[in-house]
Amino acid sequence: MTNTLTPTNQEWLEQQVKEGTFSSEDEALNMAVETLKSIQTDDLSWAKPYIDEARQEIADGKALDAAPVIAWLRERAAR
């Protein structure tokens, strides 16, 4: 199999191998494919009920204005 990268990606990949981040271009490309596979297979259906609940709370006017929350967090962080 032959793969063609953009010149920018090819240069980046060569630099990563040169710096020792990867032992070879093949290692880097295999890691990239494995990462893509894991992203595509992540099942986030468990989060849907939480998202639905949050959307309903927003629709019901139960959401907080971000400004006071951020101010509160900054105050706590300063202590």
PDB file of N, CA and C in Angstrom:
ATOM      1  N   MET A   1       0.844  -1.158   0.000  1.00  0.00           N
ATOM      2  CA  MET A   1       0.000   0.000   0.000  1.00  0.00           C
ATOM      3  C   MET A   1       0.901   1.236   0.000  1.00  0.00           C
ATOM      4  N   THR A   2       0.491   2.234  -0.754  1.00  0.00           N
ATOM      5  CA  THR A   2       1.218   3.489  -0.811  1.00  0.00           C
ATOM      6  C   THR A   2       0.321   4.589  -0.277  1.00  0.00           C
ATOM      7  N   ASN A   3       0.859   5.420   0.593  1.00  0.00           N
ATOM      8  CA  ASN A   3       0.109   6.540   1.153  1.00  0.00           C
ATOM      9  C   ASN A   3       0.784   7.842   0.753  1.00  0.00           C
ATOM     10  N   THR A   4      -0.017   8.841   0.484  1.00  0.00           N
ATOM     11  CA  THR A   4       0.520  10.141   0.129  1.00  0.00           C
ATOM     12  C   THR A   4       0.068  11.156   1.162  1.00  0.00           C
ATOM     13  N   LEU A   5       1.021  11.813   1.777  1.00  0.00           N
ATOM     14  CA  LEU A   5       0.733  12.857   2.749  1.00  0.00           C
ATOM     15  C   LEU A   5       0.946  14.217   2.107  1.00  0.00           C
ATOM     16  N   THR A   6       0.309  15.224   2.667  1.00  0.00           N
ATOM     17  CA  THR A   6       0.596  16.574   2.203  1.00  0.00           C
ATOM     18  C   THR A   6       2.044  16.885   2.568  1.00  0.00           C
ATOM     19  N   PRO A   7       2.677  17.798   1.849  1.00  0.00           N
ATOM     20  CA  PRO A   7       4.060  18.148   2.193  1.00  0.00           C
ATOM     21  C   PRO A   7       4.205  18.595   3.649  1.00  0.00           C
ATOM     22  N   THR A   8       3.247  19.345   4.147  1.00  0.00           N
ATOM     23  CA  THR A   8       3.308  19.811   5.534  1.00  0.00           C
ATOM     24  C   THR A   8       3.267  18.646   6.506  1.00  0.00           C
ATOM     25  N   ASN A   9       2.365  17.692   6.271  1.00  0.00           N
ATOM     26  CA  ASN A   9       2.276  16.529   7.150  1.00  0.00           C
ATOM     27  C   ASN A   9       3.507  15.653   7.030  1.00  0.00           C
ATOM     28  N   GLN A  10       4.038  15.528   5.844  1.00  0.00           N
ATOM     29  CA  GLN A  10       5.251  14.729   5.643  1.00  0.00           C
ATOM     30  C   GLN A  10       6.419  15.341   6.404  1.00  0.00           C
ATOM     31  N   GLU A  11       6.559  16.657   6.313  1.00  0.00           N
ATOM     32  CA  GLU A  11       7.642  17.331   7.032  1.00  0.00           C
ATOM     33  C   GLU A  11       7.482  17.163   8.544  1.00  0.00           C
ATOM     34  N   TRP A  12       6.251  17.319   9.025  1.00  0.00           N
ATOM     35  CA  TRP A  12       5.999  17.166  10.459  1.00  0.00           C
ATOM     36  C   TRP A  12       6.355  15.750  10.908  1.00  0.00           C
ATOM     37  N   LEU A  13       5.917  14.774  10.135  1.00  0.00           N
ATOM     38  CA  LEU A  13       6.173  13.379  10.470  1.00  0.00           C
ATOM     39  C   LEU A  13       7.673  13.086  10.498  1.00  0.00           C
ATOM     40  N   GLU A  14       8.386  13.553   9.498  1.00  0.00           N
ATOM     41  CA  GLU A  14       9.831  13.354   9.464  1.00  0.00           C
ATOM     42  C   GLU A  14      10.509  14.010  10.667  1.00  0.00           C
ATOM     43  N   GLN A  15      10.049  15.188  11.047  1.00  0.00           N
ATOM     44  CA  GLN A  15      10.613  15.887  12.198  1.00  0.00           C
ATOM     45  C   GLN A  15      10.353  15.107  13.491  1.00  0.00           C
ATOM     46  N   GLN A  16       9.156  14.536  13.624  1.00  0.00           N
ATOM     47  CA  GLN A  16       8.833  13.761  14.825  1.00  0.00           C
ATOM     48  C   GLN A  16       9.729  12.537  14.945  1.00  0.00           C
ATOM     49  N   VAL A  17       9.993  11.888  13.843  1.00  0.00           N
ATOM     50  CA  VAL A  17      10.889  10.725  13.858  1.00  0.00           C
ATOM     51  C   VAL A  17      12.311  11.187  14.192  1.00  0.00           C
ATOM     52  N   LYS A  18      12.728  12.285  13.597  1.00  0.00           N
ATOM     53  CA  LYS A  18      14.070  12.828  13.846  1.00  0.00           C
ATOM     54  C   LYS A  18      14.259  13.174  15.327  1.00  0.00           C
ATOM     55  N   GLU A  19      13.196  13.723  15.954  1.00  0.00           N
ATOM     56  CA  GLU A  19      13.267  14.108  17.371  1.00  0.00           C
ATOM     57  C   GLU A  19      13.103  12.921  18.312  1.00  0.00           C
ATOM     58  N   GLY A  20      12.757  11.762  17.756  1.00  0.00           N
ATOM     59  CA  GLY A  20      12.616  10.567  18.581  1.00  0.00           C
ATOM     60  C   GLY A  20      11.236  10.353  19.168  1.00  0.00           C
ATOM     61  N   THR A  21      10.271  11.176  18.757  1.00  0.00           N
ATOM     62  CA  THR A  21       8.902  10.992  19.244  1.00  0.00           C
ATOM     63  C   THR A  21       8.365   9.637  18.793  1.00  0.00           C
ATOM     64  N   PHE A  22       8.712   9.266  17.572  1.00  0.00           N
ATOM     65  CA  PHE A  22       8.359   7.959  17.014  1.00  0.00           C
ATOM     66  C   PHE A  22       9.629   7.322  16.470  1.00  0.00           C
ATOM     67  N   SER A  23       9.672   5.998  16.525  1.00  0.00           N
ATOM     68  CA  SER A  23      10.866   5.318  16.014  1.00  0.00           C
ATOM     69  C   SER A  23      10.877   5.258  14.490  1.00  0.00           C
ATOM     70  N   SER A  24       9.701   5.412  13.882  1.00  0.00           N
ATOM     71  CA  SER A  24       9.612   5.383  12.424  1.00  0.00           C
ATOM     72  C   SER A  24       8.307   6.049  11.979  1.00  0.00           C
ATOM     73  N   GLU A  25       8.261   6.367  10.708  1.00  0.00           N
ATOM     74  CA  GLU A  25       7.022   6.930  10.163  1.00  0.00           C
ATOM     75  C   GLU A  25       5.894   5.908  10.253  1.00  0.00           C
ATOM     76  N   ASP A  26       6.225   4.639  10.039  1.00  0.00           N
ATOM     77  CA  ASP A  26       5.206   3.590  10.145  1.00  0.00           C
ATOM     78  C   ASP A  26       4.603   3.542  11.539  1.00  0.00           C
ATOM     79  N   GLU A  27       5.447   3.682  12.570  1.00  0.00           N
ATOM     80  CA  GLU A  27       4.934   3.663  13.937  1.00  0.00           C
ATOM     81  C   GLU A  27       3.952   4.814  14.151  1.00  0.00           C
ATOM     82  N   ALA A  28       4.314   6.000  13.675  1.00  0.00           N
ATOM     83  CA  ALA A  28       3.450   7.165  13.839  1.00  0.00           C
ATOM     84  C   ALA A  28       2.132   6.983  13.103  1.00  0.00           C
ATOM     85  N   LEU A  29       2.181   6.494  11.887  1.00  0.00           N
ATOM     86  CA  LEU A  29       0.961   6.298  11.106  1.00  0.00           C
ATOM     87  C   LEU A  29       0.072   5.221  11.722  1.00  0.00           C
ATOM     88  N   ASN A  30       0.686   4.151  12.233  1.00  0.00           N
ATOM     89  CA  ASN A  30      -0.105   3.111  12.899  1.00  0.00           C
ATOM     90  C   ASN A  30      -0.775   3.656  14.157  1.00  0.00           C
ATOM     91  N   MET A  31      -0.063   4.501  14.907  1.00  0.00           N
ATOM     92  CA  MET A  31      -0.653   5.100  16.099  1.00  0.00           C
ATOM     93  C   MET A  31      -1.822   6.003  15.705  1.00  0.00           C
ATOM     94  N   ALA A  32      -1.667   6.748  14.623  1.00  0.00           N
ATOM     95  CA  ALA A  32      -2.737   7.625  14.158  1.00  0.00           C
ATOM     96  C   ALA A  32      -3.978   6.814  13.778  1.00  0.00           C
ATOM     97  N   VAL A  33      -3.785   5.716  13.094  1.00  0.00           N
ATOM     98  CA  VAL A  33      -4.920   4.864  12.703  1.00  0.00           C
ATOM     99  C   VAL A  33      -5.583   4.268  13.942  1.00  0.00           C
ATOM    100  N   GLU A  34      -4.790   3.798  14.894  1.00  0.00           N
ATOM    101  CA  GLU A  34      -5.362   3.235  16.133  1.00  0.00           C
ATOM    102  C   GLU A  34      -6.165   4.288  16.889  1.00  0.00           C
ATOM    103  N   THR A  35      -5.651   5.507  16.917  1.00  0.00           N
ATOM    104  CA  THR A  35      -6.373   6.588  17.591  1.00  0.00           C
ATOM    105  C   THR A  35      -7.696   6.867  16.894  1.00  0.00           C
ATOM    106  N   LEU A  36      -7.689   6.934  15.581  1.00  0.00           N
ATOM    107  CA  LEU A  36      -8.930   7.148  14.831  1.00  0.00           C
ATOM    108  C   LEU A  36      -9.930   6.025  15.067  1.00  0.00           C
ATOM    109  N   LYS A  37      -9.442   4.802  15.107  1.00  0.00           N
ATOM    110  CA  LYS A  37     -10.333   3.656  15.360  1.00  0.00           C
ATOM    111  C   LYS A  37     -10.977   3.768  16.729  1.00  0.00           C
ATOM    112  N   SER A  38     -10.206   4.157  17.735  1.00  0.00           N
ATOM    113  CA  SER A  38     -10.762   4.244  19.082  1.00  0.00           C
ATOM    114  C   SER A  38     -11.784   5.374  19.178  1.00  0.00           C
ATOM    115  N   ILE A  39     -11.540   6.466  18.479  1.00  0.00           N
ATOM    116  CA  ILE A  39     -12.499   7.576  18.485  1.00  0.00           C
ATOM    117  C   ILE A  39     -13.807   7.143  17.842  1.00  0.00           C
ATOM    118  N   GLN A  40     -13.740   6.421  16.748  1.00  0.00           N
ATOM    119  CA  GLN A  40     -14.939   6.003  16.034  1.00  0.00           C
ATOM    120  C   GLN A  40     -15.732   4.952  16.784  1.00  0.00           C
ATOM    121  N   THR A  41     -15.099   4.204  17.654  1.00  0.00           N
ATOM    122  CA  THR A  41     -15.817   3.131  18.336  1.00  0.00           C
ATOM    123  C   THR A  41     -16.289   3.526  19.731  1.00  0.00           C
ATOM    124  N   ASP A  42     -15.920   4.740  20.190  1.00  0.00           N
ATOM    125  CA  ASP A  42     -16.397   5.180  21.505  1.00  0.00           C
ATOM    126  C   ASP A  42     -17.910   5.322  21.465  1.00  0.00           C
ATOM    127  N   ASP A  43     -18.582   4.647  22.369  1.00  0.00           N
ATOM    128  CA  ASP A  43     -20.033   4.710  22.444  1.00  0.00           C
ATOM    129  C   ASP A  43     -20.413   5.694  23.537  1.00  0.00           C
ATOM    130  N   LEU A  44     -20.906   6.824  23.131  1.00  0.00           N
ATOM    131  CA  LEU A  44     -21.282   7.861  24.082  1.00  0.00           C
ATOM    132  C   LEU A  44     -22.787   7.898  24.322  1.00  0.00           C
ATOM    133  N   SER A  45     -23.480   6.826  23.984  1.00  0.00           N
ATOM    134  CA  SER A  45     -24.931   6.808  24.171  1.00  0.00           C
ATOM    135  C   SER A  45     -25.314   6.960  25.643  1.00  0.00           C
ATOM    136  N   TRP A  46     -24.421   6.593  26.556  1.00  0.00           N
ATOM    137  CA  TRP A  46     -24.700   6.746  27.979  1.00  0.00           C
ATOM    138  C   TRP A  46     -24.898   8.210  28.349  1.00  0.00           C
ATOM    139  N   ALA A  47     -24.323   9.138  27.563  1.00  0.00           N
ATOM    140  CA  ALA A  47     -24.395  10.557  27.894  1.00  0.00           C
ATOM    141  C   ALA A  47     -25.711  11.196  27.450  1.00  0.00           C
ATOM    142  N   LYS A  48     -26.451  10.551  26.544  1.00  0.00           N
ATOM    143  CA  LYS A  48     -27.662  11.154  26.005  1.00  0.00           C
ATOM    144  C   LYS A  48     -28.672  11.542  27.079  1.00  0.00           C
ATOM    145  N   PRO A  49     -28.967  10.710  28.083  1.00  0.00           N
ATOM    146  CA  PRO A  49     -29.926  11.134  29.106  1.00  0.00           C
ATOM    147  C   PRO A  49     -29.484  12.397  29.851  1.00  0.00           C
ATOM    148  N   TYR A  50     -28.188  12.543  30.084  1.00  0.00           N
ATOM    149  CA  TYR A  50     -27.682  13.733  30.769  1.00  0.00           C
ATOM    150  C   TYR A  50     -27.839  14.979  29.889  1.00  0.00           C
ATOM    151  N   ILE A  51     -27.571  14.812  28.615  1.00  0.00           N
ATOM    152  CA  ILE A  51     -27.729  15.928  27.680  1.00  0.00           C
ATOM    153  C   ILE A  51     -29.193  16.316  27.574  1.00  0.00           C
ATOM    154  N   ASP A  52     -30.074  15.321  27.472  1.00  0.00           N
ATOM    155  CA  ASP A  52     -31.506  15.600  27.400  1.00  0.00           C
ATOM    156  C   ASP A  52     -31.988  16.334  28.654  1.00  0.00           C
ATOM    157  N   GLU A  53     -31.507  15.906  29.809  1.00  0.00           N
ATOM    158  CA  GLU A  53     -31.890  16.542  31.069  1.00  0.00           C
ATOM    159  C   GLU A  53     -31.410  17.996  31.109  1.00  0.00           C
ATOM    160  N   ALA A  54     -30.182  18.220  30.682  1.00  0.00           N
ATOM    161  CA  ALA A  54     -29.644  19.579  30.672  1.00  0.00           C
ATOM    162  C   ALA A  54     -30.425  20.472  29.716  1.00  0.00           C
ATOM    163  N   ARG A  55     -30.756  19.942  28.558  1.00  0.00           N
ATOM    164  CA  ARG A  55     -31.546  20.728  27.597  1.00  0.00           C
ATOM    165  C   ARG A  55     -32.912  21.084  28.167  1.00  0.00           C
ATOM    166  N   GLN A  56     -33.523  20.147  28.873  1.00  0.00           N
ATOM    167  CA  GLN A  56     -34.833  20.417  29.469  1.00  0.00           C
ATOM    168  C   GLN A  56     -34.724  21.483  30.554  1.00  0.00           C
ATOM    169  N   GLU A  57     -33.675  21.414  31.371  1.00  0.00           N
ATOM    170  CA  GLU A  57     -33.479  22.422  32.408  1.00  0.00           C
ATOM    171  C   GLU A  57     -33.280  23.808  31.792  1.00  0.00           C
ATOM    172  N   ILE A  58     -32.559  23.882  30.693  1.00  0.00           N
ATOM    173  CA  ILE A  58     -32.375  25.161  30.002  1.00  0.00           C
ATOM    174  C   ILE A  58     -33.731  25.659  29.500  1.00  0.00           C
ATOM    175  N   ALA A  59     -34.500  24.765  28.885  1.00  0.00           N
ATOM    176  CA  ALA A  59     -35.821  25.142  28.377  1.00  0.00           C
ATOM    177  C   ALA A  59     -36.742  25.604  29.499  1.00  0.00           C
ATOM    178  N   ASP A  60     -36.585  25.031  30.697  1.00  0.00           N
ATOM    179  CA  ASP A  60     -37.410  25.393  31.851  1.00  0.00           C
ATOM    180  C   ASP A  60     -36.885  26.632  32.575  1.00  0.00           C
ATOM    181  N   GLY A  61     -35.799  27.222  32.076  1.00  0.00           N
ATOM    182  CA  GLY A  61     -35.246  28.420  32.704  1.00  0.00           C
ATOM    183  C   GLY A  61     -34.438  28.143  33.951  1.00  0.00           C
ATOM    184  N   LYS A  62     -33.987  26.931  34.133  1.00  0.00           N
ATOM    185  CA  LYS A  62     -33.234  26.566  35.330  1.00  0.00           C
ATOM    186  C   LYS A  62     -31.717  26.696  35.154  1.00  0.00           C
ATOM    187  N   ALA A  63     -31.287  27.172  33.996  1.00  0.00           N
ATOM    188  CA  ALA A  63     -29.856  27.300  33.746  1.00  0.00           C
ATOM    189  C   ALA A  63     -29.310  28.512  34.474  1.00  0.00           C
ATOM    190  N   LEU A  64     -28.062  28.441  34.877  1.00  0.00           N
ATOM    191  CA  LEU A  64     -27.398  29.554  35.546  1.00  0.00           C
ATOM    192  C   LEU A  64     -26.733  30.459  34.519  1.00  0.00           C
ATOM    193  N   ASP A  65     -26.725  31.744  34.808  1.00  0.00           N
ATOM    194  CA  ASP A  65     -25.973  32.690  33.996  1.00  0.00           C
ATOM    195  C   ASP A  65     -24.492  32.421  34.265  1.00  0.00           C
ATOM    196  N   ALA A  66     -23.701  32.366  33.237  1.00  0.00           N
ATOM    197  CA  ALA A  66     -22.289  31.997  33.388  1.00  0.00           C
ATOM    198  C   ALA A  66     -21.486  33.020  34.172  1.00  0.00           C
ATOM    199  N   ALA A  67     -21.793  34.307  34.055  1.00  0.00           N
ATOM    200  CA  ALA A  67     -20.977  35.352  34.689  1.00  0.00           C
ATOM    201  C   ALA A  67     -20.879  35.172  36.209  1.00  0.00           C
ATOM    202  N   PRO A  68     -21.993  34.985  36.936  1.00  0.00           N
ATOM    203  CA  PRO A  68     -21.851  34.790  38.378  1.00  0.00           C
ATOM    204  C   PRO A  68     -21.111  33.505  38.741  1.00  0.00           C
ATOM    205  N   VAL A  69     -21.296  32.483  37.951  1.00  0.00           N
ATOM    206  CA  VAL A  69     -20.608  31.215  38.220  1.00  0.00           C
ATOM    207  C   VAL A  69     -19.101  31.389  38.036  1.00  0.00           C
ATOM    208  N   ILE A  70     -18.704  32.059  36.968  1.00  0.00           N
ATOM    209  CA  ILE A  70     -17.280  32.299  36.718  1.00  0.00           C
ATOM    210  C   ILE A  70     -16.692  33.173  37.820  1.00  0.00           C
ATOM    211  N   ALA A  71     -17.431  34.204  38.244  1.00  0.00           N
ATOM    212  CA  ALA A  71     -16.955  35.062  39.335  1.00  0.00           C
ATOM    213  C   ALA A  71     -16.772  34.253  40.615  1.00  0.00           C
ATOM    214  N   TRP A  72     -17.710  33.384  40.893  1.00  0.00           N
ATOM    215  CA  TRP A  72     -17.625  32.535  42.089  1.00  0.00           C
ATOM    216  C   TRP A  72     -16.402  31.621  42.020  1.00  0.00           C
ATOM    217  N   LEU A  73     -16.185  31.020  40.851  1.00  0.00           N
ATOM    218  CA  LEU A  73     -15.021  30.136  40.678  1.00  0.00           C
ATOM    219  C   LEU A  73     -13.716  30.906  40.841  1.00  0.00           C
ATOM    220  N   ARG A  74     -13.656  32.111  40.281  1.00  0.00           N
ATOM    221  CA  ARG A  74     -12.436  32.919  40.411  1.00  0.00           C
ATOM    222  C   ARG A  74     -12.183  33.289  41.866  1.00  0.00           C
ATOM    223  N   GLU A  75     -13.257  33.619  42.584  1.00  0.00           N
ATOM    224  CA  GLU A  75     -13.128  33.959  43.999  1.00  0.00           C
ATOM    225  C   GLU A  75     -12.598  32.769  44.793  1.00  0.00           C
ATOM    226  N   ARG A  76     -13.128  31.601  44.515  1.00  0.00           N
ATOM    227  CA  ARG A  76     -12.669  30.383  45.207  1.00  0.00           C
ATOM    228  C   ARG A  76     -11.218  30.074  44.870  1.00  0.00           C
ATOM    229  N   ALA A  77     -10.855  30.256  43.622  1.00  0.00           N
ATOM    230  CA  ALA A  77      -9.481  29.967  43.199  1.00  0.00           C
ATOM    231  C   ALA A  77      -8.490  30.938  43.829  1.00  0.00           C
ATOM    232  N   ALA A  78      -8.931  32.167  44.076  1.00  0.00           N
ATOM    233  CA  ALA A  78      -8.041  33.182  44.655  1.00  0.00           C
ATOM    234  C   ALA A  78      -7.745  32.906  46.129  1.00  0.00           C
ATOM    235  N   ARG A  79      -8.605  32.153  46.792  1.00  0.00           N
ATOM    236  CA  ARG A  79      -8.407  31.878  48.229  1.00  0.00           C
ATOM    237  C   ARG A  79      -7.289  30.908  48.469  1.00  0.00           C
TER     238      ARG A  79
END
